[in-house]
Amino acid sequence: QVQLVEFGGGLVQTGGSRTLSCTASGRTFSNYAMGWFRQAPGKEREYVAGVSRVGTRSWSTDSVKGRFTMSRDNDKNMVYLQMNGLKPEDSAVYYCAAAESAYTDFIVYNPHEYNIWGQGTQVTVSS
């Protein structure tokens, strides 16, 4: 099983960019499809982006499509979320999550399949 630690959050101005990173411990990182989630105060956790085990497929939710890009580097046990054109409504705690998958090139679209979580990193977008 992997353990996840996110970093890279902080305060950014509207329209700015930020890259979140998530490092995974363990030798089986490539067995996991990965996702980024976020949760704003008073709101439910939202599945933002996902990437397949080998990184050839990625997906993002409509509210961030064209602005956020998720990627991974299996040699470094890292996943990233590149966020551009940030808006105040993007402010949230962002979580990295892992879902063990039998398929190398599939994205795990069901958020309930993610069962390993990092501690989260806060992103605040000022208006």
Foldseek 3Di string as FASTA:
>chain_A
DKAKAKDWADEAAAQAKTKIKMAIDDDPLLQWKKFKWWDDPPGDIGTAKTAFSQFPDMDGDPVQPPFWDWGADSVRRMIMIIGGRDDQVVWTWMKMFIAGDPDRGDTDPDPVRTDHIHPTDTHGYHD
